[in-house]
Protein backbone atom coordinates (compact mmCIF):
# COMPACT_ATOMS: atom_id res chain seq x y z
CA MET A 1 60.42 96.48 101.47
CA ARG A 2 63.50 97.48 104.23
CA LEU A 3 64.21 101.17 102.42
CA GLY A 4 65.66 106.90 105.80
CA PRO A 5 68.74 108.86 106.14
CA ALA A 6 72.18 107.57 105.71
CA ASP A 7 73.46 106.09 108.97
CA PRO A 8 75.57 103.26 110.12
CA ARG A 9 72.60 100.75 110.32
CA GLY A 10 73.16 100.57 106.79
CA ARG A 11 66.86 99.13 104.90
CA ARG A 12 64.09 96.50 102.96
CA GLY A 13 71.65 98.59 103.98
CA LEU A 14 72.37 102.28 103.96
CA PRO A 15 69.29 104.28 103.76
CA THR A 16 66.64 102.10 103.57
CA ARG A 17 65.89 98.35 104.64
CA LYS A 18 66.38 102.47 102.99
CA ALA A 19 68.51 102.22 99.88
CA ASP A 20 66.84 104.41 96.95
CA GLU A 21 65.71 102.31 98.20
CA ASN A 22 59.07 97.96 99.32
CA ALA A 23 47.65 83.97 102.45
CA ARG A 24 44.48 84.68 102.72
CA ASP A 25 43.39 87.01 99.80
CA VAL A 26 42.21 90.03 101.72
CA ARG A 27 41.29 91.94 98.49
CA PRO A 28 37.76 92.89 98.17
CA ARG A 29 36.06 90.27 95.93
CA SER A 30 34.10 93.20 94.22
CA ARG A 31 37.24 95.15 93.61
CA LEU A 32 39.68 92.97 91.90
CA PRO A 33 43.26 94.36 91.49
CA ILE A 34 44.17 95.92 88.34
CA THR A 35 47.57 94.98 86.92
CA ILE A 36 49.76 97.39 85.05
CA THR A 37 53.31 96.65 83.90
CA PHE A 38 55.99 99.24 84.15
CA GLU A 39 59.35 98.58 83.09
CA GLU A 40 62.27 100.61 85.00
CA THR A 41 64.46 102.45 82.58
CA GLY A 42 67.41 104.91 83.03
CA PHE A 43 70.61 103.97 84.50
CA PRO A 44 70.40 103.37 88.32
CA THR A 45 72.65 104.71 90.91
CA MET A 46 74.00 102.29 93.38
CA ARG A 47 72.67 102.51 96.92
CA PHE A 48 73.34 100.75 100.10
CA VAL A 49 70.48 99.17 102.07
CA THR A 50 70.62 99.26 105.76
CA GLY A 51 67.82 98.12 107.94
CA ARG A 52 64.97 99.77 106.25
CA SER A 53 66.48 103.16 104.97
CA LEU A 54 68.03 104.46 101.93
CA ALA A 55 71.17 106.19 101.32
CA ALA A 56 72.58 106.66 97.92
CA ALA A 57 76.17 105.67 97.39
CA SER A 58 78.20 105.58 94.28
CA ALA A 59 78.86 102.33 92.45
CA ALA A 60 82.64 102.99 92.80
CA VAL A 61 82.32 103.03 96.52
CA LEU A 62 80.56 99.86 96.51
CA LEU A 63 82.87 98.22 94.18
CA ALA A 64 85.75 99.04 96.47
CA LEU A 65 84.35 96.85 99.12
CA LEU A 66 84.44 93.94 96.82
CA PRO A 67 87.19 91.27 96.49
CA ALA A 68 89.53 91.90 93.44
CA SER A 69 88.19 88.70 91.88
CA GLY A 70 84.85 88.15 90.44
CA ARG A 71 84.16 91.85 89.35
CA ALA A 72 82.83 91.08 85.96
CA ALA A 73 79.52 92.99 85.78
CA SER A 74 76.43 91.10 84.81
CA PRO A 75 73.95 92.91 82.61
CA GLU A 76 71.13 90.91 84.36
CA ASN A 77 69.93 93.83 86.51
CA GLU A 78 71.27 96.76 84.38
CA ALA A 79 68.82 99.17 82.89
CA GLN A 80 68.81 98.57 78.98
CA ILE A 81 66.94 101.67 77.95
CA PRO A 82 68.63 105.05 77.68
CA SER A 83 67.30 107.83 80.20
CA SER A 84 65.80 109.86 77.39
CA GLU A 85 63.57 106.92 76.63
CA SER A 86 62.89 106.48 80.32
CA SER A 87 61.57 110.09 80.43
CA ALA A 88 59.37 109.46 77.54
CA THR A 89 57.90 106.47 79.23
CA GLY A 90 57.13 108.31 82.31
CA LYS A 91 55.45 111.00 80.48
CA ALA A 92 53.24 108.51 78.69
CA ALA A 93 52.34 107.00 82.03
CA ASP A 94 51.52 110.52 83.31
CA ALA A 95 49.35 111.28 80.37
CA ALA A 96 46.89 108.57 81.13
CA PRO A 97 44.27 110.13 83.76
CA ALA A 98 44.31 108.36 87.10
CA ASP A 99 41.05 106.47 87.92
CA PRO A 100 39.59 108.10 91.03
CA SER A 101 38.21 104.88 92.16
CA ALA A 102 41.44 103.11 92.27
CA LEU A 103 44.55 103.40 94.50
CA ARG A 104 47.75 103.07 92.36
CA ILE A 105 50.35 101.14 94.21
CA CYS A 106 53.81 101.03 93.17
CA ALA A 107 54.89 97.37 93.31
CA SER A 108 58.13 95.48 92.48
CA GLU A 109 57.91 92.07 90.49
CA LYS A 110 61.25 91.26 92.17
CA GLN A 111 61.08 91.36 95.85
CA PRO A 112 59.62 88.21 97.12
CA PRO A 113 58.11 87.43 99.64
CA LEU A 114 57.20 91.16 100.09
CA SER A 115 55.92 91.86 96.46
CA MET A 116 55.05 89.42 93.92
CA LYS A 117 53.22 89.70 90.63
CA ASP A 118 50.63 87.19 91.64
CA GLY A 119 49.49 89.69 94.53
CA THR A 120 50.38 87.25 97.33
CA GLY A 121 53.35 89.25 98.60
CA LEU A 122 53.09 90.51 102.01
CA GLU A 123 53.09 94.22 101.10
CA ASN A 124 50.73 93.34 98.20
CA LYS A 125 48.10 91.84 100.82
CA VAL A 126 48.62 94.97 103.12
CA ALA A 127 48.07 97.46 100.41
CA ALA A 128 45.02 95.50 99.06
CA ALA A 129 43.47 95.54 102.51
CA VAL A 130 44.21 99.30 103.04
CA ALA A 131 42.62 100.10 99.56
CA GLU A 132 39.53 98.23 100.51
CA ALA A 133 39.28 99.99 103.73
CA MET A 134 39.45 103.27 101.67
CA GLY A 135 36.69 102.09 99.28
CA LYS A 136 39.11 101.84 96.34
CA LYS A 137 40.27 99.27 93.90
CA ALA A 138 44.02 98.00 94.47
CA GLN A 139 45.67 98.97 91.21
CA PHE A 140 49.27 97.54 91.24
CA VAL A 141 51.62 99.28 88.90
CA TRP A 142 54.23 96.68 88.56
CA PHE A 143 57.88 97.61 88.39
CA SER A 144 60.22 95.28 86.69
CA LYS A 145 63.45 96.22 88.84
CA PRO A 146 64.30 95.81 92.55
CA ALA A 147 62.21 97.88 94.98
CA ILE A 148 65.04 100.08 95.86
CA TYR A 149 64.32 102.02 92.66
CA ILE A 150 60.61 102.46 93.08
CA VAL A 151 60.67 105.92 94.70
CA ARG A 152 62.90 107.49 92.11
CA ASP A 153 61.83 105.85 89.04
CA ALA A 154 58.06 105.38 89.56
CA LEU A 155 56.59 107.37 92.44
CA GLU A 156 58.44 110.47 91.58
CA LYS A 157 57.49 110.26 87.93
CA LYS A 158 53.78 109.77 88.90
CA THR A 159 53.47 106.41 87.33
CA CYS A 160 51.95 105.24 90.74
CA ASP A 161 50.93 107.11 93.95
CA VAL A 162 51.85 104.99 97.03
CA VAL A 163 54.82 102.83 97.86
CA VAL A 164 54.30 100.12 100.75
CA GLY A 165 56.95 99.10 103.26
CA LEU A 166 59.06 102.17 103.69
CA ASP A 167 60.83 103.30 106.93
CA PHE A 168 58.79 105.69 108.69
CA ASP A 169 61.62 108.33 108.61
CA ASP A 170 62.35 107.86 104.98
CA PRO A 171 63.22 111.48 103.72
CA ARG A 172 62.42 110.91 100.07
CA VAL A 173 58.64 110.74 100.81
CA LEU A 174 55.74 111.88 102.97
CA THR A 175 54.95 108.82 105.14
CA THR A 176 51.83 107.58 106.85
CA LYS A 177 51.77 106.60 110.39
CA PRO A 178 53.48 103.29 110.98
CA TYR A 179 51.31 100.12 110.63
CA TYR A 180 53.70 97.81 112.18
CA ARG A 181 57.22 97.57 113.60
CA SER A 182 59.68 94.73 113.16
CA GLY A 183 63.26 94.02 112.99
CA TYR A 184 66.31 92.09 112.11
CA VAL A 185 66.33 88.41 113.40
CA PHE A 186 68.88 85.71 114.19
CA ILE A 187 67.83 82.53 112.19
CA THR A 188 69.16 79.21 113.54
CA ARG A 189 68.14 75.55 113.25
CA ALA A 190 65.77 74.57 116.03
CA ASP A 191 67.71 71.18 116.47
CA LYS A 192 70.99 72.99 117.28
CA ASP A 193 71.88 74.27 120.86
CA LEU A 194 72.55 77.69 119.27
CA ASP A 195 69.68 80.01 120.41
CA ILE A 196 71.65 83.34 119.57
CA LYS A 197 69.91 86.15 121.21
CA SER A 198 72.56 89.08 120.93
CA TRP A 199 75.49 90.03 118.86
CA SER A 200 77.56 89.84 122.07
CA ASP A 201 77.10 86.11 122.21
CA PRO A 202 80.78 84.76 122.07
CA ARG A 203 79.67 81.71 120.09
CA LEU A 204 79.25 84.01 116.92
CA LYS A 205 83.15 84.38 116.77
CA THR A 206 83.69 80.65 116.53
CA ILE A 207 80.55 79.12 114.71
CA ASP A 208 80.86 78.27 110.86
CA HIS A 209 79.44 80.45 108.28
CA MET A 210 77.04 83.42 108.87
CA VAL A 211 74.79 84.90 106.27
CA VAL A 212 73.97 88.65 106.36
CA GLY A 213 72.66 91.04 103.78
CA PHE A 214 75.04 93.62 102.02
CA GLY A 215 74.89 97.13 103.47
CA THR A 216 72.82 95.94 106.47
CA PRO A 217 73.10 96.28 110.35
CA GLY A 218 74.03 92.54 110.08
CA GLU A 219 77.13 93.14 107.78
CA ALA A 220 78.24 96.06 110.09
CA MET A 221 78.02 93.91 113.25
CA LEU A 222 79.72 90.96 111.37
CA LYS A 223 82.69 93.33 110.77
CA ASP A 224 82.52 94.68 114.22
CA ILE A 225 83.01 91.26 115.95
CA GLY A 226 86.04 90.64 113.51
CA ARG A 227 84.70 87.84 111.18
CA TYR A 228 83.66 89.56 108.08
CA GLU A 229 86.88 88.76 106.21
CA GLU A 230 86.18 85.04 107.28
CA ASP A 231 82.92 85.02 105.56
CA MET A 232 83.35 87.51 102.81
CA ALA A 233 84.01 85.09 100.08
CA TYR A 234 81.27 82.82 101.14
CA LEU A 235 78.85 85.70 101.23
CA TYR A 236 79.78 86.82 97.57
CA SER A 237 79.59 83.16 96.40
CA LEU A 238 75.97 83.46 97.22
CA VAL A 239 75.42 86.04 94.47
CA ASN A 240 77.87 84.57 92.02
CA PHE A 241 80.49 87.06 92.82
CA ARG A 242 78.50 89.56 90.94
CA ALA A 243 79.84 93.08 91.47
CA PRO A 244 77.17 95.95 92.23
CA ARG A 245 78.46 98.03 89.15
CA ASN A 246 75.25 99.82 88.12
CA GLN A 247 72.87 97.12 89.43
CA TYR A 248 71.48 96.15 92.78
CA THR A 249 73.21 93.20 94.28
CA GLN A 250 71.64 91.35 97.24
CA ILE A 251 71.40 87.85 98.57
CA GLU A 252 67.94 86.43 98.06
CA SER A 253 65.94 85.99 101.41
CA SER A 254 65.10 82.65 100.51
CA ARG A 255 68.58 81.75 99.87
CA MET A 256 69.61 83.12 103.29
CA VAL A 257 67.06 80.80 105.05
CA SER A 258 67.92 77.69 102.86
CA GLU A 259 71.62 78.14 103.80
CA VAL A 260 70.86 77.55 107.34
CA ALA A 261 68.22 74.90 106.86
CA GLY A 262 70.73 73.02 104.66
CA ASN A 263 73.62 73.32 107.41
CA LYS A 264 75.68 75.46 105.09
CA ALA A 265 75.55 78.22 107.55
CA ASP A 266 74.94 78.24 111.22
CA VAL A 267 73.31 81.65 111.47
CA ALA A 268 71.51 84.19 109.16
CA VAL A 269 70.64 87.62 110.08
CA ALA A 270 68.00 89.25 108.04
CA PHE A 271 65.02 91.74 108.36
CA ALA A 272 62.06 89.68 109.68
CA PRO A 273 59.47 90.43 107.04
CA ASP A 274 61.97 89.41 104.35
CA VAL A 275 62.33 85.83 105.61
CA ALA A 276 59.36 85.00 107.90
CA ARG A 277 57.43 83.16 105.31
CA TYR A 278 60.42 81.06 104.29
CA VAL A 279 61.17 80.22 107.92
CA LYS A 280 57.59 79.25 108.49
CA ASP A 281 57.50 77.00 105.55
CA SER A 282 60.72 75.56 105.93
CA ALA A 283 60.72 71.59 106.11
CA THR A 284 63.53 71.83 108.57
CA PRO A 285 62.30 73.54 111.80
CA LEU A 286 64.00 76.87 112.26
CA ARG A 287 63.82 79.37 114.99
CA MET A 288 63.76 83.27 114.64
CA THR A 289 64.89 85.55 117.39
CA LEU A 290 64.60 89.42 117.12
CA VAL A 291 67.91 91.12 117.46
CA PRO A 292 67.85 93.46 120.43
CA ASP A 293 67.15 97.09 119.42
CA ASP A 294 69.75 98.35 122.02
CA THR A 295 72.59 96.68 120.07
CA VAL A 296 75.88 98.65 120.22
CA ARG A 297 79.12 98.28 118.37
CA SER A 298 82.28 97.99 120.03
CA ASP A 299 82.97 101.60 119.85
CA GLY A 300 79.82 102.36 121.85
CA GLN A 301 77.79 103.46 118.63
CA ARG A 302 74.20 102.27 118.70
CA MET A 303 73.03 100.03 115.77
CA PRO A 304 69.16 100.20 115.66
CA GLN A 305 67.65 96.75 114.63
CA SER A 306 63.91 97.52 114.62
CA PHE A 307 62.12 99.83 112.24
CA ASP A 308 58.64 101.18 111.95
CA GLN A 309 57.07 100.45 108.57
CA SER A 310 54.88 102.87 106.72
CA MET A 311 53.50 103.79 103.42
CA GLY A 312 54.82 106.71 101.36
CA VAL A 313 53.42 109.15 98.96
CA ARG A 314 54.98 112.17 97.07
CA ARG A 315 55.97 115.02 99.31
CA GLY A 316 53.22 117.52 99.37
CA ASP A 317 50.38 115.19 98.82
CA GLU A 318 49.02 115.47 102.32
CA ALA A 319 45.52 114.50 101.16
CA LEU A 320 46.42 110.96 100.07
CA ARG A 321 48.67 110.57 103.16
CA ASP A 322 45.81 111.47 105.36
CA ALA A 323 43.39 109.18 103.47
CA LEU A 324 45.93 106.32 103.80
CA ASN A 325 46.08 106.90 107.48
CA GLU A 326 42.39 106.44 107.80
CA GLY A 327 42.46 103.38 105.70
CA ILE A 328 45.36 101.90 107.76
CA GLU A 329 43.37 102.41 110.91
CA LYS A 330 40.19 100.85 109.45
CA ALA A 331 42.32 97.88 108.13
CA LYS A 332 44.30 97.25 111.17
CA PRO A 333 42.55 93.94 112.18
CA LYS A 334 43.28 92.72 108.64
CA ILE A 335 46.85 93.88 108.74
CA GLU A 336 47.40 92.15 112.03
CA ALA A 337 45.91 88.90 110.65
CA ILE A 338 48.10 89.20 107.53
CA LEU A 339 51.33 89.65 109.66
CA GLU A 340 50.40 86.72 111.94
CA ASP A 341 49.72 84.51 108.86
CA GLU A 342 53.16 85.43 107.54
CA GLY A 343 54.83 84.59 110.91
CA VAL A 344 56.31 88.06 111.08
CA PRO A 345 57.62 88.78 114.65
CA LEU A 346 56.70 92.29 115.81
CA ALA A 347 58.84 94.66 117.81
CA PRO A 348 57.42 96.91 120.64
CA ALA A 349 55.92 99.98 119.25
CA SER A 350 58.18 103.04 119.11
CA ASN A 351 57.43 106.42 120.73
């Protein structure tokens, strides 16, 4: 789900594709997933998402980045239950004894195509494959808010035990060994002579609109090449000029792809696992090209573009981490098949 320490790469934006910051059915037929719905409560803090790391940032700082117009906050994504009730909810969940035969997986209902309540999300399928390899039932604990809040409001409250799709260096959790590595991609129409392969391509300064996620390496590079002001109003129009005041605001992955397919933008830059399914299913042929991991800004600062993806457990839970590592190794063929089916381009393994 794209969420590590605060850095300029901005993950699933500032710490991580790491903000507080997540086919074929690979679930064991004899171990059907159990569904539990968990409503996020409490008032969320705002966080940037860059690459796949998370770095908490105040809503005031984010608001300062917005245009003066269109700042009316929408209650759509704001928490509606006071923090005291949130604590009570967490305690109630803790009171229920965990089923030792199940793997309780923290899962967002609102992170397509990575996590979807029907279990068809990329990360849902990977989690089910690993649970099967561990000899456990995949028990999804569904969370009604964006995935960037799962660690704080679900994992840390012991409502669930494992989060899928975190950056390997996410400091909030104890991570497993990576099970794949991917990165940001340039998305363009296949029928256009616009095979962008690098941020240094001079055509990026003269093309029509570009779509990038807020708080991501793409946004940082859009500013670096001097065209952010040109695209800013367009980008915020894609979220109805919704201000990130006490809510997570991001352009939907499907929208980024459709903007390019529909000729409303020439190039989109997104984290590959977030968009691969939509690119593959697009009626308009599109191309995806991994952004080079040696990308640097004009001031010489390196901007990482590829990230190792791991699962995360609560710090101190080495036993579960080690069991997951064994399950990941056993499930490796299925994980590779899932990624191939999704069309996710893989980046070279890191050291």
